[in-house]
Amino acid sequence: LPIPGLAQTGFLTSDSALELERLPGSLTILGGGAVGCEFAQFF
């Protein structure tokens, strides 16, 4: 979605999050559907 500053700031998607080899210290998830909730609990 065209959220101001999102593209410039950079973000993970469900695709790229599955390729992480290091856990971030903190994470904000935009969206509380199935994908957002599953990833939230994993991290």
PDB file of all heavy atoms in Angstrom:
ATOM      1  N   LEU A   1       0.837  -1.189   0.000  1.00  0.00           N
ATOM      2  CA  LEU A   1       0.000   0.000   0.000  1.00  0.00           C
ATOM      3  C   LEU A   1       0.881   1.250   0.000  1.00  0.00           C
ATOM      4  O   LEU A   1       2.025   1.215   0.474  1.00  0.00           O
ATOM      5  CB  LEU A   1      -0.905   0.001   1.230  1.00  0.00           C
ATOM      6  CG  LEU A   1      -1.923  -1.147   1.316  1.00  0.00           C
ATOM      7  CD1 LEU A   1      -2.699  -1.051   2.631  1.00  0.00           C
ATOM      8  CD2 LEU A   1      -2.869  -1.119   0.132  1.00  0.00           C
ATOM      9  N   PRO A   2       0.359   2.368  -0.505  1.00  0.00           N
ATOM     10  CA  PRO A   2       1.173   3.603  -0.570  1.00  0.00           C
ATOM     11  C   PRO A   2       1.263   4.322   0.775  1.00  0.00           C
ATOM     12  O   PRO A   2       0.755   5.430   0.950  1.00  0.00           O
ATOM     13  CB  PRO A   2       0.411   4.439  -1.606  1.00  0.00           C
ATOM     14  CG  PRO A   2      -1.016   3.991  -1.473  1.00  0.00           C
ATOM     15  CD  PRO A   2      -0.953   2.525  -1.162  1.00  0.00           C
ATOM     16  N   ILE A   3       1.923   3.681   1.736  1.00  0.00           N
ATOM     17  CA  ILE A   3       2.124   4.295   3.046  1.00  0.00           C
ATOM     18  C   ILE A   3       3.313   5.253   2.943  1.00  0.00           C
ATOM     19  O   ILE A   3       4.408   4.838   2.546  1.00  0.00           O
ATOM     20  CB  ILE A   3       2.402   3.221   4.110  1.00  0.00           C
ATOM     21  CG1 ILE A   3       1.199   2.278   4.227  1.00  0.00           C
ATOM     22  CG2 ILE A   3       2.704   3.865   5.457  1.00  0.00           C
ATOM     23  CD1 ILE A   3       1.443   1.074   5.115  1.00  0.00           C
ATOM     24  N   PRO A   4       3.132   6.517   3.271  1.00  0.00           N
ATOM     25  CA  PRO A   4       4.223   7.493   3.137  1.00  0.00           C
ATOM     26  C   PRO A   4       5.502   7.049   3.853  1.00  0.00           C
ATOM     27  O   PRO A   4       5.478   6.720   5.034  1.00  0.00           O
ATOM     28  CB  PRO A   4       3.645   8.761   3.777  1.00  0.00           C
ATOM     29  CG  PRO A   4       2.161   8.626   3.596  1.00  0.00           C
ATOM     30  CD  PRO A   4       1.881   7.148   3.748  1.00  0.00           C
ATOM     31  N   GLY A   5       6.601   7.002   3.115  1.00  0.00           N
ATOM     32  CA  GLY A   5       7.908   6.682   3.676  1.00  0.00           C
ATOM     33  C   GLY A   5       8.234   5.215   3.791  1.00  0.00           C
ATOM     34  O   GLY A   5       9.386   4.857   4.082  1.00  0.00           O
ATOM     35  N   LEU A   6       7.280   4.338   3.535  1.00  0.00           N
ATOM     36  CA  LEU A   6       7.531   2.904   3.711  1.00  0.00           C
ATOM     37  C   LEU A   6       8.578   2.393   2.730  1.00  0.00           C
ATOM     38  O   LEU A   6       9.538   1.725   3.118  1.00  0.00           O
ATOM     39  CB  LEU A   6       6.227   2.113   3.555  1.00  0.00           C
ATOM     40  CG  LEU A   6       6.346   0.585   3.691  1.00  0.00           C
ATOM     41  CD1 LEU A   6       6.822   0.200   5.088  1.00  0.00           C
ATOM     42  CD2 LEU A   6       5.015  -0.096   3.376  1.00  0.00           C
ATOM     43  N   ALA A   7       8.408   2.714   1.468  1.00  0.00           N
ATOM     44  CA  ALA A   7       9.357   2.227   0.457  1.00  0.00           C
ATOM     45  C   ALA A   7      10.751   2.787   0.693  1.00  0.00           C
ATOM     46  O   ALA A   7      11.752   2.078   0.548  1.00  0.00           O
ATOM     47  CB  ALA A   7       8.856   2.610  -0.935  1.00  0.00           C
ATOM     48  N   GLN A   8      10.818   4.075   1.068  1.00  0.00           N
ATOM     49  CA  GLN A   8      12.120   4.707   1.298  1.00  0.00           C
ATOM     50  C   GLN A   8      12.819   4.152   2.534  1.00  0.00           C
ATOM     51  O   GLN A   8      14.048   4.021   2.572  1.00  0.00           O
ATOM     52  CB  GLN A   8      11.939   6.231   1.450  1.00  0.00           C
ATOM     53  CG  GLN A   8      11.459   6.941   0.207  1.00  0.00           C
ATOM     54  CD  GLN A   8       9.950   6.819  -0.010  1.00  0.00           C
ATOM     55  OE1 GLN A   8       9.257   6.182   0.779  1.00  0.00           O
ATOM     56  NE2 GLN A   8       9.467   7.425  -1.083  1.00  0.00           N
ATOM     57  N   THR A   9      12.035   3.800   3.551  1.00  0.00           N
ATOM     58  CA  THR A   9      12.604   3.272   4.795  1.00  0.00           C
ATOM     59  C   THR A   9      13.043   1.829   4.635  1.00  0.00           C
ATOM     60  O   THR A   9      14.024   1.389   5.228  1.00  0.00           O
ATOM     61  CB  THR A   9      11.575   3.390   5.938  1.00  0.00           C
ATOM     62  OG1 THR A   9      11.167   4.751   6.055  1.00  0.00           O
ATOM     63  CG2 THR A   9      12.167   2.924   7.252  1.00  0.00           C
ATOM     64  N   GLY A  10      12.313   1.089   3.822  1.00  0.00           N
ATOM     65  CA  GLY A  10      12.633  -0.318   3.606  1.00  0.00           C
ATOM     66  C   GLY A  10      11.874  -1.231   4.551  1.00  0.00           C
ATOM     67  O   GLY A  10      11.573  -0.852   5.686  1.00  0.00           O
ATOM     68  N   PHE A  11      11.541  -2.413   4.078  1.00  0.00           N
ATOM     69  CA  PHE A  11      10.744  -3.326   4.895  1.00  0.00           C
ATOM     70  C   PHE A  11      10.928  -4.764   4.419  1.00  0.00           C
ATOM     71  O   PHE A  11      11.335  -5.014   3.283  1.00  0.00           O
ATOM     72  CB  PHE A  11       9.263  -2.947   4.837  1.00  0.00           C
ATOM     73  CG  PHE A  11       8.687  -2.936   3.440  1.00  0.00           C
ATOM     74  CD1 PHE A  11       8.058  -4.054   2.908  1.00  0.00           C
ATOM     75  CD2 PHE A  11       8.786  -1.804   2.643  1.00  0.00           C
ATOM     76  CE1 PHE A  11       7.533  -4.043   1.619  1.00  0.00           C
ATOM     77  CE2 PHE A  11       8.267  -1.779   1.349  1.00  0.00           C
ATOM     78  CZ  PHE A  11       7.638  -2.904   0.839  1.00  0.00           C
ATOM     79  N   LEU A  12      10.619  -5.681   5.307  1.00  0.00           N
ATOM     80  CA  LEU A  12      10.584  -7.097   4.970  1.00  0.00           C
ATOM     81  C   LEU A  12       9.197  -7.456   4.461  1.00  0.00           C
ATOM     82  O   LEU A  12       8.214  -6.802   4.805  1.00  0.00           O
ATOM     83  CB  LEU A  12      10.887  -7.952   6.200  1.00  0.00           C
ATOM     84  CG  LEU A  12      12.264  -7.834   6.843  1.00  0.00           C
ATOM     85  CD1 LEU A  12      12.272  -8.560   8.187  1.00  0.00           C
ATOM     86  CD2 LEU A  12      13.337  -8.400   5.924  1.00  0.00           C
ATOM     87  N   THR A  13       9.102  -8.505   3.667  1.00  0.00           N
ATOM     88  CA  THR A  13       7.828  -9.100   3.293  1.00  0.00           C
ATOM     89  C   THR A  13       7.826 -10.536   3.788  1.00  0.00           C
ATOM     90  O   THR A  13       8.837 -11.037   4.306  1.00  0.00           O
ATOM     91  CB  THR A  13       7.632  -9.086   1.768  1.00  0.00           C
ATOM     92  OG1 THR A  13       8.605  -9.963   1.169  1.00  0.00           O
ATOM     93  CG2 THR A  13       7.788  -7.676   1.203  1.00  0.00           C
ATOM     94  N   SER A  14       6.714 -11.217   3.609  1.00  0.00           N
ATOM     95  CA  SER A  14       6.675 -12.631   4.000  1.00  0.00           C
ATOM     96  C   SER A  14       7.688 -13.433   3.200  1.00  0.00           C
ATOM     97  O   SER A  14       8.196 -14.463   3.682  1.00  0.00           O
ATOM     98  CB  SER A  14       5.268 -13.195   3.795  1.00  0.00           C
ATOM     99  OG  SER A  14       4.848 -13.029   2.453  1.00  0.00           O
ATOM    100  N   ASP A  15       8.014 -12.984   1.981  1.00  0.00           N
ATOM    101  CA  ASP A  15       9.026 -13.660   1.165  1.00  0.00           C
ATOM    102  C   ASP A  15      10.423 -13.483   1.751  1.00  0.00           C
ATOM    103  O   ASP A  15      11.146 -14.451   2.004  1.00  0.00           O
ATOM    104  CB  ASP A  15       9.002 -13.128  -0.267  1.00  0.00           C
ATOM    105  CG  ASP A  15       7.737 -13.518  -1.024  1.00  0.00           C
ATOM    106  OD1 ASP A  15       6.940 -14.309  -0.482  1.00  0.00           O
ATOM    107  OD2 ASP A  15       7.554 -13.029  -2.147  1.00  0.00           O
ATOM    108  N   SER A  16      10.813 -12.227   1.968  1.00  0.00           N
ATOM    109  CA  SER A  16      12.179 -11.952   2.429  1.00  0.00           C
ATOM    110  C   SER A  16      12.396 -12.352   3.884  1.00  0.00           C
ATOM    111  O   SER A  16      13.506 -12.722   4.277  1.00  0.00           O
ATOM    112  CB  SER A  16      12.525 -10.478   2.233  1.00  0.00           C
ATOM    113  OG  SER A  16      11.600  -9.628   2.901  1.00  0.00           O
ATOM    114  N   ALA A  17      11.333 -12.309   4.697  1.00  0.00           N
ATOM    115  CA  ALA A  17      11.479 -12.705   6.105  1.00  0.00           C
ATOM    116  C   ALA A  17      11.859 -14.176   6.225  1.00  0.00           C
ATOM    117  O   ALA A  17      12.554 -14.577   7.165  1.00  0.00           O
ATOM    118  CB  ALA A  17      10.182 -12.435   6.862  1.00  0.00           C
ATOM    119  N   LEU A  18      11.430 -14.955   5.249  1.00  0.00           N
ATOM    120  CA  LEU A  18      11.739 -16.388   5.270  1.00  0.00           C
ATOM    121  C   LEU A  18      13.192 -16.683   4.904  1.00  0.00           C
ATOM    122  O   LEU A  18      13.631 -17.822   5.002  1.00  0.00           O
ATOM    123  CB  LEU A  18      10.816 -17.140   4.315  1.00  0.00           C
ATOM    124  CG  LEU A  18       9.354 -17.275   4.770  1.00  0.00           C
ATOM    125  CD1 LEU A  18       8.495 -17.799   3.633  1.00  0.00           C
ATOM    126  CD2 LEU A  18       9.248 -18.191   5.990  1.00  0.00           C
ATOM    127  N   GLU A  19      13.916 -15.663   4.471  1.00  0.00           N
ATOM    128  CA  GLU A  19      15.323 -15.852   4.106  1.00  0.00           C
ATOM    129  C   GLU A  19      16.282 -15.257   5.128  1.00  0.00           C
ATOM    130  O   GLU A  19      17.494 -15.301   4.941  1.00  0.00           O
ATOM    131  CB  GLU A  19      15.585 -15.228   2.723  1.00  0.00           C
ATOM    132  CG  GLU A  19      14.769 -15.843   1.594  1.00  0.00           C
ATOM    133  CD  GLU A  19      14.984 -17.342   1.470  1.00  0.00           C
ATOM    134  OE1 GLU A  19      16.128 -17.795   1.665  1.00  0.00           O
ATOM    135  OE2 GLU A  19      14.005 -18.059   1.186  1.00  0.00           O
ATOM    136  N   LEU A  20      15.775 -14.706   6.221  1.00  0.00           N
ATOM    137  CA  LEU A  20      16.633 -14.096   7.230  1.00  0.00           C
ATOM    138  C   LEU A  20      17.549 -15.125   7.881  1.00  0.00           C
ATOM    139  O   LEU A  20      17.127 -16.233   8.201  1.00  0.00           O
ATOM    140  CB  LEU A  20      15.788 -13.429   8.319  1.00  0.00           C
ATOM    141  CG  LEU A  20      15.051 -12.141   7.955  1.00  0.00           C
ATOM    142  CD1 LEU A  20      14.209 -11.676   9.142  1.00  0.00           C
ATOM    143  CD2 LEU A  20      16.032 -11.047   7.548  1.00  0.00           C
ATOM    144  N   GLU A  21      18.787 -14.742   8.069  1.00  0.00           N
ATOM    145  CA  GLU A  21      19.742 -15.611   8.760  1.00  0.00           C
ATOM    146  C   GLU A  21      20.138 -15.037  10.119  1.00  0.00           C
ATOM    147  O   GLU A  21      20.932 -15.624  10.845  1.00  0.00           O
ATOM    148  CB  GLU A  21      20.979 -15.814   7.879  1.00  0.00           C
ATOM    149  CG  GLU A  21      20.654 -16.559   6.584  1.00  0.00           C
ATOM    150  CD  GLU A  21      21.880 -16.813   5.734  1.00  0.00           C
ATOM    151  OE1 GLU A  21      22.931 -16.180   6.005  1.00  0.00           O
ATOM    152  OE2 GLU A  21      21.798 -17.646   4.800  1.00  0.00           O
ATOM    153  N   ARG A  22      19.569 -13.872  10.428  1.00  0.00           N
ATOM    154  CA  ARG A  22      19.795 -13.242  11.733  1.00  0.00           C
ATOM    155  C   ARG A  22      18.486 -12.652  12.222  1.00  0.00           C
ATOM    156  O   ARG A  22      17.764 -12.007  11.463  1.00  0.00           O
ATOM    157  CB  ARG A  22      20.844 -12.124  11.606  1.00  0.00           C
ATOM    158  CG  ARG A  22      21.217 -11.472  12.935  1.00  0.00           C
ATOM    159  CD  ARG A  22      22.051 -10.219  12.714  1.00  0.00           C
ATOM    160  NE  ARG A  22      21.280  -9.140  12.102  1.00  0.00           N
ATOM    161  CZ  ARG A  22      20.515  -8.283  12.798  1.00  0.00           C
ATOM    162  NH1 ARG A  22      20.400  -8.417  14.114  1.00  0.00           N
ATOM    163  NH2 ARG A  22      19.877  -7.323  12.177  1.00  0.00           N
ATOM    164  N   LEU A  23      18.183 -12.879  13.488  1.00  0.00           N
ATOM    165  CA  LEU A  23      16.960 -12.316  14.053  1.00  0.00           C
ATOM    166  C   LEU A  23      17.145 -10.839  14.338  1.00  0.00           C
ATOM    167  O   LEU A  23      18.146 -10.442  14.951  1.00  0.00           O
ATOM    168  CB  LEU A  23      16.604 -13.026  15.362  1.00  0.00           C
ATOM    169  CG  LEU A  23      15.961 -14.403  15.282  1.00  0.00           C
ATOM    170  CD1 LEU A  23      15.857 -14.991  16.684  1.00  0.00           C
ATOM    171  CD2 LEU A  23      14.590 -14.315  14.649  1.00  0.00           C
ATOM    172  N   PRO A  24      16.192 -10.000  13.926  1.00  0.00           N
ATOM    173  CA  PRO A  24      16.273  -8.599  14.339  1.00  0.00           C
ATOM    174  C   PRO A  24      16.001  -8.491  15.833  1.00  0.00           C
ATOM    175  O   PRO A  24      15.302  -9.328  16.411  1.00  0.00           O
ATOM    176  CB  PRO A  24      15.161  -7.935  13.511  1.00  0.00           C
ATOM    177  CG  PRO A  24      14.202  -9.035  13.201  1.00  0.00           C
ATOM    178  CD  PRO A  24      15.039 -10.278  13.075  1.00  0.00           C
ATOM    179  N   GLY A  25      16.539  -7.460  16.460  1.00  0.00           N
ATOM    180  CA  GLY A  25      16.300  -7.283  17.890  1.00  0.00           C
ATOM    181  C   GLY A  25      14.870  -6.899  18.189  1.00  0.00           C
ATOM    182  O   GLY A  25      14.332  -7.228  19.252  1.00  0.00           O
ATOM    183  N   SER A  26      14.252  -6.179  17.249  1.00  0.00           N
ATOM    184  CA  SER A  26      12.865  -5.757  17.417  1.00  0.00           C
ATOM    185  C   SER A  26      12.210  -5.686  16.047  1.00  0.00           C
ATOM    186  O   SER A  26      12.870  -5.465  15.034  1.00  0.00           O
ATOM    187  CB  SER A  26      12.786  -4.400  18.122  1.00  0.00           C
ATOM    188  OG  SER A  26      13.589  -3.433  17.457  1.00  0.00           O
ATOM    189  N   LEU A  27      10.899  -5.874  16.029  1.00  0.00           N
ATOM    190  CA  LEU A  27      10.185  -5.970  14.765  1.00  0.00           C
ATOM    191  C   LEU A  27       8.784  -5.398  14.907  1.00  0.00           C
ATOM    192  O   LEU A  27       8.073  -5.709  15.865  1.00  0.00           O
ATOM    193  CB  LEU A  27      10.097  -7.434  14.332  1.00  0.00           C
ATOM    194  CG  LEU A  27       9.317  -7.761  13.056  1.00  0.00           C
ATOM    195  CD1 LEU A  27      10.064  -7.249  11.828  1.00  0.00           C
ATOM    196  CD2 LEU A  27       9.083  -9.278  12.945  1.00  0.00           C
ATOM    197  N   THR A  28       8.395  -4.559  13.946  1.00  0.00           N
ATOM    198  CA  THR A  28       7.019  -4.076  13.861  1.00  0.00           C
ATOM    199  C   THR A  28       6.364  -4.740  12.665  1.00  0.00           C
ATOM    200  O   THR A  28       6.890  -4.678  11.550  1.00  0.00           O
ATOM    201  CB  THR A  28       6.960  -2.552  13.686  1.00  0.00           C
ATOM    202  OG1 THR A  28       7.615  -1.920  14.795  1.00  0.00           O
ATOM    203  CG2 THR A  28       5.519  -2.069  13.606  1.00  0.00           C
ATOM    204  N   ILE A  29       5.224  -5.370  12.896  1.00  0.00           N
ATOM    205  CA  ILE A  29       4.508  -6.053  11.821  1.00  0.00           C
ATOM    206  C   ILE A  29       3.282  -5.243  11.450  1.00  0.00           C
ATOM    207  O   ILE A  29       2.434  -4.952  12.300  1.00  0.00           O
ATOM    208  CB  ILE A  29       4.105  -7.476  12.240  1.00  0.00           C
ATOM    209  CG1 ILE A  29       5.370  -8.303  12.515  1.00  0.00           C
ATOM    210  CG2 ILE A  29       3.250  -8.137  11.167  1.00  0.00           C
ATOM    211  CD1 ILE A  29       5.092  -9.728  12.934  1.00  0.00           C
ATOM    212  N   LEU A  30       3.189  -4.877  10.184  1.00  0.00           N
ATOM    213  CA  LEU A  30       2.030  -4.152   9.682  1.00  0.00           C
ATOM    214  C   LEU A  30       1.030  -5.177   9.156  1.00  0.00           C
ATOM    215  O   LEU A  30       1.239  -5.781   8.110  1.00  0.00           O
ATOM    216  CB  LEU A  30       2.448  -3.183   8.571  1.00  0.00           C
ATOM    217  CG  LEU A  30       3.565  -2.185   8.912  1.00  0.00           C
ATOM    218  CD1 LEU A  30       3.818  -1.245   7.738  1.00  0.00           C
ATOM    219  CD2 LEU A  30       3.219  -1.385  10.166  1.00  0.00           C
ATOM    220  N   GLY A  31      -0.033  -5.382   9.903  1.00  0.00           N
ATOM    221  CA  GLY A  31      -1.045  -6.350   9.500  1.00  0.00           C
ATOM    222  C   GLY A  31      -1.242  -7.430  10.530  1.00  0.00           C
ATOM    223  O   GLY A  31      -0.268  -8.011  11.022  1.00  0.00           O
ATOM    224  N   GLY A  32      -2.509  -7.711  10.861  1.00  0.00           N
ATOM    225  CA  GLY A  32      -2.822  -8.720  11.865  1.00  0.00           C
ATOM    226  C   GLY A  32      -3.654  -9.857  11.321  1.00  0.00           C
ATOM    227  O   GLY A  32      -4.480 -10.428  12.037  1.00  0.00           O
ATOM    228  N   GLY A  33      -3.421 -10.195  10.053  1.00  0.00           N
ATOM    229  CA  GLY A  33      -4.075 -11.369   9.482  1.00  0.00           C
ATOM    230  C   GLY A  33      -3.277 -12.614   9.804  1.00  0.00           C
ATOM    231  O   GLY A  33      -2.407 -12.615  10.684  1.00  0.00           O
ATOM    232  N   ALA A  34      -3.549 -13.690   9.068  1.00  0.00           N
ATOM    233  CA  ALA A  34      -2.883 -14.967   9.340  1.00  0.00           C
ATOM    234  C   ALA A  34      -1.366 -14.847   9.233  1.00  0.00           C
ATOM    235  O   ALA A  34      -0.631 -15.298  10.121  1.00  0.00           O
ATOM    236  CB  ALA A  34      -3.403 -16.025   8.373  1.00  0.00           C
ATOM    237  N   VAL A  35      -0.875 -14.229   8.157  1.00  0.00           N
ATOM    238  CA  VAL A  35       0.570 -14.125   7.944  1.00  0.00           C
ATOM    239  C   VAL A  35       1.214 -13.279   9.037  1.00  0.00           C
ATOM    240  O   VAL A  35       2.233 -13.659   9.637  1.00  0.00           O
ATOM    241  CB  VAL A  35       0.865 -13.530   6.554  1.00  0.00           C
ATOM    242  CG1 VAL A  35       2.355 -13.226   6.408  1.00  0.00           C
ATOM    243  CG2 VAL A  35       0.415 -14.482   5.461  1.00  0.00           C
ATOM    244  N   GLY A  36       0.625 -12.122   9.337  1.00  0.00           N
ATOM    245  CA  GLY A  36       1.182 -11.246  10.356  1.00  0.00           C
ATOM    246  C   GLY A  36       1.231 -11.901  11.721  1.00  0.00           C
ATOM    247  O   GLY A  36       2.231 -11.795  12.441  1.00  0.00           O
ATOM    248  N   CYS A  37       0.157 -12.594  12.089  1.00  0.00           N
ATOM    249  CA  CYS A  37       0.093 -13.230  13.408  1.00  0.00           C
ATOM    250  C   CYS A  37       1.074 -14.390  13.522  1.00  0.00           C
ATOM    251  O   CYS A  37       1.728 -14.562  14.553  1.00  0.00           O
ATOM    252  CB  CYS A  37      -1.325 -13.697  13.688  1.00  0.00           C
ATOM    253  SG  CYS A  37      -2.481 -12.353  14.049  1.00  0.00           S
ATOM    254  N   GLU A  38       1.183 -15.206  12.480  1.00  0.00           N
ATOM    255  CA  GLU A  38       2.110 -16.338  12.531  1.00  0.00           C
ATOM    256  C   GLU A  38       3.553 -15.856  12.649  1.00  0.00           C
ATOM    257  O   GLU A  38       4.327 -16.379  13.461  1.00  0.00           O
ATOM    258  CB  GLU A  38       1.933 -17.210  11.296  1.00  0.00           C
ATOM    259  CG  GLU A  38       0.632 -18.005  11.290  1.00  0.00           C
ATOM    260  CD  GLU A  38       0.446 -18.858  10.051  1.00  0.00           C
ATOM    261  OE1 GLU A  38       1.317 -18.821   9.154  1.00  0.00           O
ATOM    262  OE2 GLU A  38      -0.566 -19.564   9.962  1.00  0.00           O
ATOM    263  N   PHE A  39       3.919 -14.865  11.851  1.00  0.00           N
ATOM    264  CA  PHE A  39       5.280 -14.340  11.930  1.00  0.00           C
ATOM    265  C   PHE A  39       5.536 -13.650  13.265  1.00  0.00           C
ATOM    266  O   PHE A  39       6.640 -13.733  13.818  1.00  0.00           O
ATOM    267  CB  PHE A  39       5.551 -13.368  10.782  1.00  0.00           C
ATOM    268  CG  PHE A  39       6.097 -14.027   9.540  1.00  0.00           C
ATOM    269  CD1 PHE A  39       5.324 -14.122   8.396  1.00  0.00           C
ATOM    270  CD2 PHE A  39       7.375 -14.542   9.514  1.00  0.00           C
ATOM    271  CE1 PHE A  39       5.822 -14.725   7.249  1.00  0.00           C
ATOM    272  CE2 PHE A  39       7.886 -15.150   8.378  1.00  0.00           C
ATOM    273  CZ  PHE A  39       7.103 -15.242   7.240  1.00  0.00           C
ATOM    274  N   ALA A  40       4.535 -12.957  13.794  1.00  0.00           N
ATOM    275  CA  ALA A  40       4.707 -12.253  15.067  1.00  0.00           C
ATOM    276  C   ALA A  40       5.101 -13.218  16.170  1.00  0.00           C
ATOM    277  O   ALA A  40       6.042 -12.974  16.932  1.00  0.00           O
ATOM    278  CB  ALA A  40       3.412 -11.522  15.436  1.00  0.00           C
ATOM    279  N   GLN A  41       4.404 -14.340  16.245  1.00  0.00           N
ATOM    280  CA  GLN A  41       4.706 -15.287  17.307  1.00  0.00           C
ATOM    281  C   GLN A  41       6.035 -16.006  17.073  1.00  0.00           C
ATOM    282  O   GLN A  41       6.779 -16.276  18.019  1.00  0.00           O
ATOM    283  CB  GLN A  41       3.569 -16.299  17.430  1.00  0.00           C
ATOM    284  CG  GLN A  41       3.550 -17.006  18.773  1.00  0.00           C
ATOM    285  CD  GLN A  41       2.261 -17.744  18.990  1.00  0.00           C
ATOM    286  OE1 GLN A  41       1.754 -18.427  18.098  1.00  0.00           O
ATOM    287  NE2 GLN A  41       1.701 -17.629  20.187  1.00  0.00           N
ATOM    288  N   PHE A  42       6.346 -16.281  15.817  1.00  0.00           N
ATOM    289  CA  PHE A  42       7.635 -16.909  15.514  1.00  0.00           C
ATOM    290  C   PHE A  42       8.782 -16.041  16.010  1.00  0.00           C
ATOM    291  O   PHE A  42       9.663 -16.501  16.752  1.00  0.00           O
ATOM    292  CB  PHE A  42       7.774 -17.135  14.011  1.00  0.00           C
ATOM    293  CG  PHE A  42       9.186 -17.454  13.584  1.00  0.00           C
ATOM    294  CD1 PHE A  42       9.728 -18.711  13.802  1.00  0.00           C
ATOM    295  CD2 PHE A  42       9.991 -16.485  12.989  1.00  0.00           C
ATOM    296  CE1 PHE A  42      11.036 -18.998  13.436  1.00  0.00           C
ATOM    297  CE2 PHE A  42      11.295 -16.769  12.610  1.00  0.00           C
ATOM    298  CZ  PHE A  42      11.822 -18.030  12.838  1.00  0.00           C
ATOM    299  N   PHE A  43       8.796 -14.790  15.610  1.00  0.00           N
ATOM    300  CA  PHE A  43       9.899 -13.900  15.997  1.00  0.00           C
ATOM    301  C   PHE A  43       9.906 -13.638  17.503  1.00  0.00           C
ATOM    302  O   PHE A  43      10.962 -13.635  18.134  1.00  0.00           O
ATOM    303  CB  PHE A  43       9.802 -12.584  15.230  1.00  0.00           C
ATOM    304  CG  PHE A  43      10.287 -12.674  13.810  1.00  0.00           C
ATOM    305  CD1 PHE A  43       9.384 -12.661  12.748  1.00  0.00           C
ATOM    306  CD2 PHE A  43      11.637 -12.773  13.530  1.00  0.00           C
ATOM    307  CE1 PHE A  43       9.833 -12.754  11.438  1.00  0.00           C
ATOM    308  CE2 PHE A  43      12.099 -12.860  12.232  1.00  0.00           C
ATOM    309  CZ  PHE A  43      11.194 -12.857  11.179  1.00  0.00           C
TER     310      PHE A  43
END
